Amino acid sequence: MKEVEPGQVVMSCAGRDKGRFMLVVGIIDSEYVYVADGKLRRIERPKKKKLKHLKIMNRKSGFIYEKIINGRKVYNEEIRRALEELVEKPDDNRP
């Protein structure tokens, strides 16, 4: 079993959302988690994904983690901002 926590960055490896980065917003059991990206997959309707269809990144949003653990409301804007900070954007200036 892969270790995953709320607020952790994952990349989808299967399905329509393949290649998209998302945050884990809930853990169902040892096989399934809920993920959201704040844009196409909003926090109000998180996507249920199998862990084997996700690539777990070594990055986590501490702010989102704290809000989820404490039962506070997480907003889509916060998820989008956390993903922008945690996911490296490719340089447009590279040859």
N, C-alpha and C. Protein backbone atom coordinates (compact mmCIF):
# COMPACT_ATOMS: atom_id res chain seq x y z
N MET A 1 0.83 -1.20 0.00
CA MET A 1 0.00 0.00 0.00
C MET A 1 0.87 1.25 0.00
N LYS A 2 0.49 2.23 -0.79
CA LYS A 2 1.20 3.50 -0.84
C LYS A 2 0.70 4.38 0.30
N GLU A 3 1.64 5.11 0.90
CA GLU A 3 1.28 6.02 1.99
C GLU A 3 0.88 7.37 1.40
N VAL A 4 -0.30 7.84 1.75
CA VAL A 4 -0.79 9.11 1.26
C VAL A 4 -1.51 9.82 2.39
N GLU A 5 -1.44 11.15 2.40
CA GLU A 5 -2.08 11.97 3.43
C GLU A 5 -2.92 13.05 2.78
N PRO A 6 -3.89 13.59 3.49
CA PRO A 6 -4.65 14.73 2.96
C PRO A 6 -3.71 15.89 2.66
N GLY A 7 -3.97 16.59 1.57
CA GLY A 7 -3.15 17.71 1.18
C GLY A 7 -1.97 17.33 0.31
N GLN A 8 -1.77 16.04 0.08
CA GLN A 8 -0.63 15.59 -0.73
C GLN A 8 -0.92 15.77 -2.22
N VAL A 9 0.11 16.14 -2.96
CA VAL A 9 0.00 16.32 -4.41
C VAL A 9 0.12 14.96 -5.08
N VAL A 10 -0.80 14.69 -6.01
CA VAL A 10 -0.76 13.46 -6.80
C VAL A 10 -0.97 13.82 -8.27
N MET A 11 -0.51 12.93 -9.15
CA MET A 11 -0.75 13.10 -10.58
C MET A 11 -1.52 11.89 -11.06
N SER A 12 -2.59 12.13 -11.80
CA SER A 12 -3.41 11.06 -12.33
C SER A 12 -2.65 10.35 -13.45
N CYS A 13 -2.63 9.02 -13.42
CA CYS A 13 -1.95 8.22 -14.43
C CYS A 13 -2.93 7.46 -15.31
N ALA A 14 -4.22 7.56 -15.03
CA ALA A 14 -5.23 6.83 -15.80
C ALA A 14 -6.53 7.63 -15.82
N GLY A 15 -7.29 7.44 -16.88
CA GLY A 15 -8.59 8.09 -16.99
C GLY A 15 -8.51 9.36 -17.80
N ARG A 16 -9.64 10.06 -17.88
CA ARG A 16 -9.72 11.31 -18.64
C ARG A 16 -8.81 12.39 -18.10
N ASP A 17 -8.57 12.34 -16.80
CA ASP A 17 -7.76 13.37 -16.16
C ASP A 17 -6.27 13.00 -16.13
N LYS A 18 -5.84 12.06 -16.96
CA LYS A 18 -4.45 11.61 -17.00
C LYS A 18 -3.51 12.80 -17.21
N GLY A 19 -2.48 12.87 -16.36
CA GLY A 19 -1.50 13.94 -16.45
C GLY A 19 -1.82 15.17 -15.62
N ARG A 20 -3.01 15.23 -15.01
CA ARG A 20 -3.40 16.39 -14.20
C ARG A 20 -2.90 16.22 -12.77
N PHE A 21 -2.48 17.34 -12.19
CA PHE A 21 -2.08 17.34 -10.78
C PHE A 21 -3.28 17.69 -9.93
N MET A 22 -3.41 17.01 -8.80
CA MET A 22 -4.53 17.23 -7.87
C MET A 22 -4.02 17.09 -6.45
N LEU A 23 -4.87 17.48 -5.51
CA LEU A 23 -4.57 17.30 -4.09
C LEU A 23 -5.50 16.23 -3.52
N VAL A 24 -4.99 15.43 -2.62
CA VAL A 24 -5.81 14.46 -1.91
C VAL A 24 -6.62 15.24 -0.88
N VAL A 25 -7.96 15.10 -0.95
CA VAL A 25 -8.82 15.83 -0.02
C VAL A 25 -9.56 14.88 0.92
N GLY A 26 -9.38 13.58 0.73
CA GLY A 26 -10.00 12.61 1.61
C GLY A 26 -9.45 11.22 1.35
N ILE A 27 -9.40 10.42 2.41
CA ILE A 27 -8.93 9.03 2.28
C ILE A 27 -10.10 8.12 2.62
N ILE A 28 -10.44 7.23 1.68
CA ILE A 28 -11.58 6.34 1.88
C ILE A 28 -11.11 5.07 2.59
N ASP A 29 -10.13 4.38 2.00
CA ASP A 29 -9.56 3.18 2.60
C ASP A 29 -8.16 2.97 2.03
N SER A 30 -7.64 1.76 2.09
CA SER A 30 -6.27 1.51 1.63
C SER A 30 -6.14 1.52 0.11
N GLU A 31 -7.25 1.54 -0.61
CA GLU A 31 -7.21 1.53 -2.08
C GLU A 31 -7.70 2.81 -2.73
N TYR A 32 -8.60 3.54 -2.08
CA TYR A 32 -9.25 4.70 -2.70
C TYR A 32 -9.03 5.98 -1.92
N VAL A 33 -8.96 7.10 -2.67
CA VAL A 33 -8.89 8.44 -2.08
C VAL A 33 -9.79 9.36 -2.88
N TYR A 34 -10.11 10.52 -2.31
CA TYR A 34 -10.81 11.58 -3.02
C TYR A 34 -9.77 12.63 -3.40
N VAL A 35 -9.84 13.10 -4.66
CA VAL A 35 -8.91 14.13 -5.14
C VAL A 35 -9.70 15.28 -5.75
N ALA A 36 -9.11 16.47 -5.71
CA ALA A 36 -9.71 17.66 -6.32
C ALA A 36 -8.59 18.57 -6.81
N ASP A 37 -8.90 19.37 -7.85
CA ASP A 37 -7.91 20.32 -8.34
C ASP A 37 -8.40 21.76 -8.24
N GLY A 38 -9.65 21.97 -7.84
CA GLY A 38 -10.18 23.32 -7.67
C GLY A 38 -10.68 23.95 -8.95
N LYS A 39 -10.46 23.31 -10.10
CA LYS A 39 -10.94 23.84 -11.39
C LYS A 39 -11.98 22.89 -11.97
N LEU A 40 -11.50 21.88 -12.68
CA LEU A 40 -12.43 20.93 -13.29
C LEU A 40 -13.05 20.00 -12.26
N ARG A 41 -12.26 19.61 -11.28
CA ARG A 41 -12.77 18.74 -10.21
C ARG A 41 -12.73 19.55 -8.93
N ARG A 42 -13.90 20.09 -8.59
CA ARG A 42 -14.00 21.00 -7.47
C ARG A 42 -14.17 20.25 -6.15
N ILE A 43 -13.95 20.94 -5.06
CA ILE A 43 -14.00 20.34 -3.72
C ILE A 43 -15.41 19.85 -3.38
N GLU A 44 -16.42 20.47 -3.99
CA GLU A 44 -17.81 20.07 -3.71
C GLU A 44 -18.10 18.67 -4.26
N ARG A 45 -17.41 18.27 -5.32
CA ARG A 45 -17.59 16.95 -5.94
C ARG A 45 -16.23 16.34 -6.25
N PRO A 46 -15.49 15.91 -5.21
CA PRO A 46 -14.16 15.35 -5.46
C PRO A 46 -14.25 14.03 -6.21
N LYS A 47 -13.18 13.70 -6.93
CA LYS A 47 -13.11 12.48 -7.72
C LYS A 47 -12.60 11.34 -6.86
N LYS A 48 -13.30 10.21 -6.91
CA LYS A 48 -12.85 9.01 -6.22
C LYS A 48 -11.87 8.29 -7.15
N LYS A 49 -10.63 8.10 -6.69
CA LYS A 49 -9.60 7.48 -7.53
C LYS A 49 -8.92 6.34 -6.76
N LYS A 50 -8.53 5.31 -7.51
CA LYS A 50 -7.73 4.24 -6.93
C LYS A 50 -6.30 4.73 -6.79
N LEU A 51 -5.65 4.34 -5.72
CA LEU A 51 -4.26 4.74 -5.51
C LEU A 51 -3.35 4.22 -6.60
N LYS A 52 -3.67 3.06 -7.17
CA LYS A 52 -2.80 2.51 -8.21
C LYS A 52 -2.87 3.32 -9.50
N HIS A 53 -3.86 4.20 -9.63
CA HIS A 53 -3.99 5.06 -10.80
C HIS A 53 -3.41 6.45 -10.55
N LEU A 54 -2.72 6.62 -9.43
CA LEU A 54 -2.14 7.92 -9.07
C LEU A 54 -0.64 7.80 -8.84
N LYS A 55 0.09 8.81 -9.27
CA LYS A 55 1.51 8.91 -8.94
C LYS A 55 1.61 9.88 -7.78
N ILE A 56 2.10 9.39 -6.65
CA ILE A 56 2.17 10.21 -5.44
C ILE A 56 3.47 11.02 -5.46
N MET A 57 3.33 12.32 -5.35
CA MET A 57 4.47 13.22 -5.37
C MET A 57 4.95 13.43 -3.93
N ASN A 58 6.18 13.87 -3.78
CA ASN A 58 6.76 14.10 -2.45
C ASN A 58 6.47 15.50 -1.94
N ARG A 59 5.35 16.07 -2.33
CA ARG A 59 4.99 17.42 -1.90
C ARG A 59 3.63 17.39 -1.21
N LYS A 60 3.49 18.24 -0.20
CA LYS A 60 2.22 18.29 0.53
C LYS A 60 1.96 19.72 0.96
N SER A 61 0.70 20.11 0.90
CA SER A 61 0.29 21.43 1.38
C SER A 61 -0.07 21.31 2.86
N GLY A 62 0.77 21.87 3.70
CA GLY A 62 0.52 21.83 5.14
C GLY A 62 -0.74 22.58 5.52
N PHE A 63 -1.00 23.68 4.82
CA PHE A 63 -2.19 24.50 5.09
C PHE A 63 -3.47 23.69 4.83
N ILE A 64 -3.54 23.03 3.67
CA ILE A 64 -4.71 22.22 3.33
C ILE A 64 -4.82 21.03 4.28
N TYR A 65 -3.70 20.41 4.61
CA TYR A 65 -3.68 19.29 5.54
C TYR A 65 -4.30 19.68 6.87
N GLU A 66 -3.86 20.81 7.42
CA GLU A 66 -4.39 21.28 8.70
C GLU A 66 -5.89 21.53 8.64
N LYS A 67 -6.36 22.15 7.56
CA LYS A 67 -7.79 22.45 7.44
C LYS A 67 -8.62 21.16 7.37
N ILE A 68 -8.15 20.17 6.62
CA ILE A 68 -8.89 18.91 6.49
C ILE A 68 -8.90 18.16 7.81
N ILE A 69 -7.75 18.06 8.47
CA ILE A 69 -7.65 17.34 9.74
C ILE A 69 -8.53 17.99 10.81
N ASN A 70 -8.59 19.32 10.83
CA ASN A 70 -9.38 20.03 11.83
C ASN A 70 -10.85 20.17 11.45
N GLY A 71 -11.25 19.64 10.29
CA GLY A 71 -12.65 19.67 9.89
C GLY A 71 -13.13 21.03 9.40
N ARG A 72 -12.19 21.90 8.99
CA ARG A 72 -12.57 23.22 8.49
C ARG A 72 -12.80 23.16 6.99
N LYS A 73 -13.58 24.08 6.48
CA LYS A 73 -13.93 24.12 5.06
C LYS A 73 -12.71 24.50 4.22
N VAL A 74 -12.51 23.73 3.13
CA VAL A 74 -11.45 24.01 2.18
C VAL A 74 -12.10 24.60 0.93
N TYR A 75 -11.54 25.70 0.43
CA TYR A 75 -12.10 26.37 -0.73
C TYR A 75 -11.31 26.02 -1.99
N ASN A 76 -11.99 26.07 -3.14
CA ASN A 76 -11.35 25.76 -4.42
C ASN A 76 -10.17 26.67 -4.70
N GLU A 77 -10.29 27.94 -4.35
CA GLU A 77 -9.19 28.89 -4.56
C GLU A 77 -7.95 28.46 -3.78
N GLU A 78 -8.13 27.95 -2.58
CA GLU A 78 -7.00 27.50 -1.77
C GLU A 78 -6.32 26.30 -2.42
N ILE A 79 -7.11 25.40 -2.98
CA ILE A 79 -6.54 24.23 -3.66
C ILE A 79 -5.76 24.67 -4.89
N ARG A 80 -6.34 25.57 -5.68
CA ARG A 80 -5.65 26.06 -6.88
C ARG A 80 -4.33 26.74 -6.52
N ARG A 81 -4.36 27.58 -5.48
CA ARG A 81 -3.16 28.29 -5.06
C ARG A 81 -2.09 27.31 -4.57
N ALA A 82 -2.49 26.31 -3.80
CA ALA A 82 -1.54 25.32 -3.29
C ALA A 82 -0.91 24.54 -4.44
N LEU A 83 -1.71 24.17 -5.43
CA LEU A 83 -1.16 23.44 -6.57
C LEU A 83 -0.19 24.30 -7.38
N GLU A 84 -0.50 25.58 -7.55
CA GLU A 84 0.41 26.48 -8.25
C GLU A 84 1.75 26.58 -7.55
N GLU A 85 1.73 26.61 -6.23
CA GLU A 85 2.97 26.73 -5.46
C GLU A 85 3.76 25.42 -5.46
N LEU A 86 3.08 24.28 -5.43
CA LEU A 86 3.75 23.00 -5.25
C LEU A 86 4.16 22.30 -6.54
N VAL A 87 3.50 22.62 -7.65
CA VAL A 87 3.80 21.95 -8.90
C VAL A 87 4.71 22.84 -9.74
N GLU A 88 5.82 22.27 -10.16
CA GLU A 88 6.77 23.02 -10.96
C GLU A 88 6.22 23.22 -12.36
N LYS A 89 6.30 24.46 -12.82
CA LYS A 89 5.86 24.77 -14.18
C LYS A 89 7.07 24.67 -15.10
N PRO A 90 6.92 24.07 -16.28
CA PRO A 90 8.05 24.02 -17.21
C PRO A 90 8.38 25.42 -17.71
N ASP A 91 9.67 25.69 -17.90
CA ASP A 91 10.10 27.00 -18.39
C ASP A 91 9.73 27.15 -19.86
N ASP A 92 9.14 28.29 -20.19
CA ASP A 92 8.80 28.57 -21.58
C ASP A 92 10.01 29.01 -22.38
N ASN A 93 11.08 29.39 -21.69
CA ASN A 93 12.27 29.92 -22.36
C ASN A 93 13.27 28.84 -22.75
N ARG A 94 13.01 27.60 -22.33
CA ARG A 94 13.95 26.53 -22.66
C ARG A 94 13.88 26.17 -24.13
N PRO A 95 15.04 25.86 -24.74
CA PRO A 95 15.05 25.48 -26.17
C PRO A 95 14.49 24.09 -26.40
